[in-house]
Protein backbone atom coordinates (compact mmCIF):
# COMPACT_ATOMS: atom_id res chain seq x y z
CA MET A 1 353.15 149.11 -41.29
CA THR A 2 350.26 146.85 -40.63
CA ARG A 3 348.01 146.31 -43.95
CA VAL A 4 345.12 147.85 -43.39
CA SER A 5 341.24 146.62 -44.50
CA GLY A 6 338.09 148.40 -46.33
CA ALA A 7 336.76 148.44 -42.64
CA THR A 8 339.97 149.79 -41.08
CA LEU A 9 339.80 152.12 -43.44
CA THR A 10 336.38 153.85 -42.73
CA ALA A 11 336.73 153.37 -39.12
CA ALA A 12 337.49 156.61 -36.84
CA ILE A 13 339.80 156.06 -33.98
CA LEU A 14 339.08 158.23 -30.66
CA PRO A 15 342.22 158.73 -28.47
CA VAL A 16 341.29 160.26 -24.61
CA GLU A 17 344.91 160.83 -23.41
CA GLU A 18 344.92 164.51 -21.46
CA GLU A 19 348.96 164.61 -22.24
CA PRO A 20 348.72 166.41 -25.66
CA LEU A 21 352.55 164.91 -26.93
CA ILE A 22 350.94 161.27 -26.18
CA ARG A 23 348.03 161.90 -27.62
CA MET A 24 349.53 163.45 -31.07
CA LEU A 25 351.71 160.63 -30.97
CA ALA A 26 349.38 157.56 -30.89
CA SER A 27 347.20 160.15 -33.18
CA ASP A 28 349.98 159.93 -36.04
CA VAL A 29 350.97 156.68 -35.94
CA LEU A 30 347.46 155.88 -36.52
CA VAL A 31 346.57 158.18 -39.47
CA GLU A 32 350.04 156.53 -40.55
CA HIS A 33 347.63 152.93 -40.35
CA GLY A 34 345.60 154.86 -42.29
CA TYR A 35 342.15 155.31 -39.74
CA ARG A 36 340.43 158.88 -39.49
CA ILE A 37 341.37 160.16 -35.80
CA VAL A 38 338.69 162.29 -33.40
CA GLU A 39 340.60 163.17 -30.26
CA ALA A 40 339.52 164.16 -26.61
CA ALA A 41 341.53 165.60 -23.44
CA ASN A 42 339.22 163.84 -21.33
CA ALA A 43 336.08 161.83 -20.95
CA ARG A 44 333.76 165.04 -21.12
CA GLU A 45 334.91 165.76 -24.62
CA ALA A 46 335.04 162.29 -25.67
CA LEU A 47 331.58 161.41 -24.39
CA THR A 48 330.62 164.93 -26.64
CA LEU A 49 331.99 163.83 -29.31
CA LEU A 50 330.53 159.93 -28.92
CA ASP A 51 327.16 161.47 -28.89
CA VAL A 52 327.56 163.60 -32.21
CA ARG A 53 329.63 161.09 -34.53
CA ASP A 54 328.40 157.71 -35.86
CA ASP A 55 331.69 156.75 -37.12
CA VAL A 56 334.06 156.06 -34.42
CA ARG A 57 334.61 151.84 -33.96
CA VAL A 58 337.28 151.94 -31.04
CA LEU A 59 337.93 154.01 -28.20
CA ALA A 60 341.45 153.95 -27.18
CA THR A 61 341.53 155.74 -23.35
CA ASP A 62 343.54 156.54 -20.68
CA VAL A 63 342.94 155.94 -17.42
CA ARG A 64 343.95 158.70 -15.67
CA MET A 65 342.50 162.46 -16.69
CA PRO A 66 341.13 165.61 -15.35
CA GLY A 67 337.21 165.61 -14.54
CA PRO A 68 335.21 163.53 -12.54
CA ILE A 69 335.64 160.64 -14.78
CA ASP A 70 338.27 158.59 -15.46
CA GLY A 71 339.15 156.04 -18.61
CA PHE A 72 337.80 153.16 -16.87
CA ALA A 73 333.81 154.79 -15.86
CA LEU A 74 334.18 156.17 -19.69
CA ALA A 75 335.31 152.81 -20.86
CA ARG A 76 332.34 151.54 -19.11
CA LEU A 77 329.58 154.49 -19.94
CA SER A 78 330.60 153.54 -23.71
CA ALA A 79 329.95 149.97 -23.67
CA LYS A 80 326.79 150.43 -22.51
CA ARG A 81 325.11 153.08 -24.18
CA TRP A 82 327.92 152.63 -27.92
CA PRO A 83 328.24 148.39 -27.47
CA HIS A 84 329.56 148.42 -31.12
CA ILE A 85 332.50 150.72 -30.68
CA ALA A 86 335.80 148.25 -29.54
CA ILE A 87 337.64 149.95 -26.57
CA ILE A 88 341.43 149.59 -25.50
CA ILE A 89 342.29 151.13 -22.07
CA THR A 90 345.79 152.26 -21.29
CA SER A 91 347.44 153.29 -18.38
CA SER A 92 350.95 153.35 -16.58
CA HIS A 93 349.38 153.75 -13.12
CA ALA A 94 346.60 151.60 -12.68
CA LEU A 95 345.78 148.07 -13.69
CA PRO A 96 342.40 146.39 -14.07
CA ARG A 97 340.26 143.93 -11.96
CA ASP A 98 337.39 142.52 -13.38
CA SER A 99 334.86 144.81 -12.21
CA THR A 100 336.42 147.89 -13.67
CA MET A 101 336.95 146.44 -17.21
CA PRO A 102 333.73 146.11 -19.65
CA ASP A 103 333.67 143.01 -21.19
CA GLY A 104 335.42 142.66 -24.91
CA ALA A 105 338.16 145.36 -23.96
CA LEU A 106 341.74 145.50 -23.91
CA PHE A 107 344.20 146.81 -21.05
CA LEU A 108 347.42 147.82 -22.82
CA GLY A 109 349.95 149.21 -20.15
CA LYS A 110 352.32 152.19 -20.87
CA PRO A 111 354.53 153.02 -22.02
CA TYR A 112 353.94 151.27 -25.18
CA GLN A 113 355.02 150.85 -28.82
CA PRO A 114 352.19 152.78 -30.50
CA ALA A 115 352.79 149.97 -33.76
CA ILE A 116 351.71 147.90 -31.04
CA LEU A 117 348.23 150.15 -30.12
CA ALA A 118 347.86 150.27 -33.94
CA ARG A 119 347.73 146.06 -34.50
CA LYS A 120 345.59 145.86 -31.66
CA ILE A 121 343.04 148.16 -32.73
CA ALA A 122 343.41 146.85 -36.38
CA ALA A 123 342.65 143.25 -34.80
CA LEU A 124 339.73 145.12 -33.12
CA VAL A 125 338.22 146.49 -36.07
CA GLU A 126 338.53 143.59 -37.82
CA GLU A 127 336.50 141.43 -35.55
CA ARG A 128 333.99 143.61 -34.99
CA ALA A 129 333.47 143.85 -38.95
CA ALA A 130 333.24 140.05 -38.98
CA ASN A 131 330.91 139.87 -35.91
CA ASN A 132 328.72 142.45 -37.28
CA ALA A 133 328.40 140.57 -40.84
CA LYS A 134 327.72 136.87 -39.64
CA ARG A 135 324.91 139.06 -37.30
CA ALA A 136 323.57 140.67 -41.17
CA ASN A 137 323.91 136.58 -42.68
CA THR A 138 321.54 135.55 -39.82
CA VAL A 139 319.13 137.90 -39.97
CA GLY A 140 316.12 136.82 -41.96
CA THR A 141 317.67 132.72 -42.03
CA ARG A 142 314.62 130.26 -41.07
CA VAL A 143 315.58 127.97 -38.68
CA ASP A 144 313.01 124.78 -39.06
């Protein structure tokens, strides 16, 4: 199992997957790696959760899901409204194009091993925490 840091342990992950068994497997593995999980079956549920929660650090969304908003659109909306949230997009049916992926988002083709998802999420959370710490350290710093 991947070792997790304090930043990882405080992060909530939002898996968005229409298939309950896939969502449950991903969630179980992420819980085993020390994450708190908030699940959604579609984009509308995910957006509702993101509106009311401030602890989500990673959105992991499938591309194909029911409703008018697919995973690519959800990722773009999330990147605009919540730029502090890292994004992983997964699919076995669609491949990303530059125009479909928000800046900084990762793509993970299906089928994937759940441990790989956990490692990618750990890296994203650590990277975001380090970037936030750097920004915090430069706030108030004078440049003469």
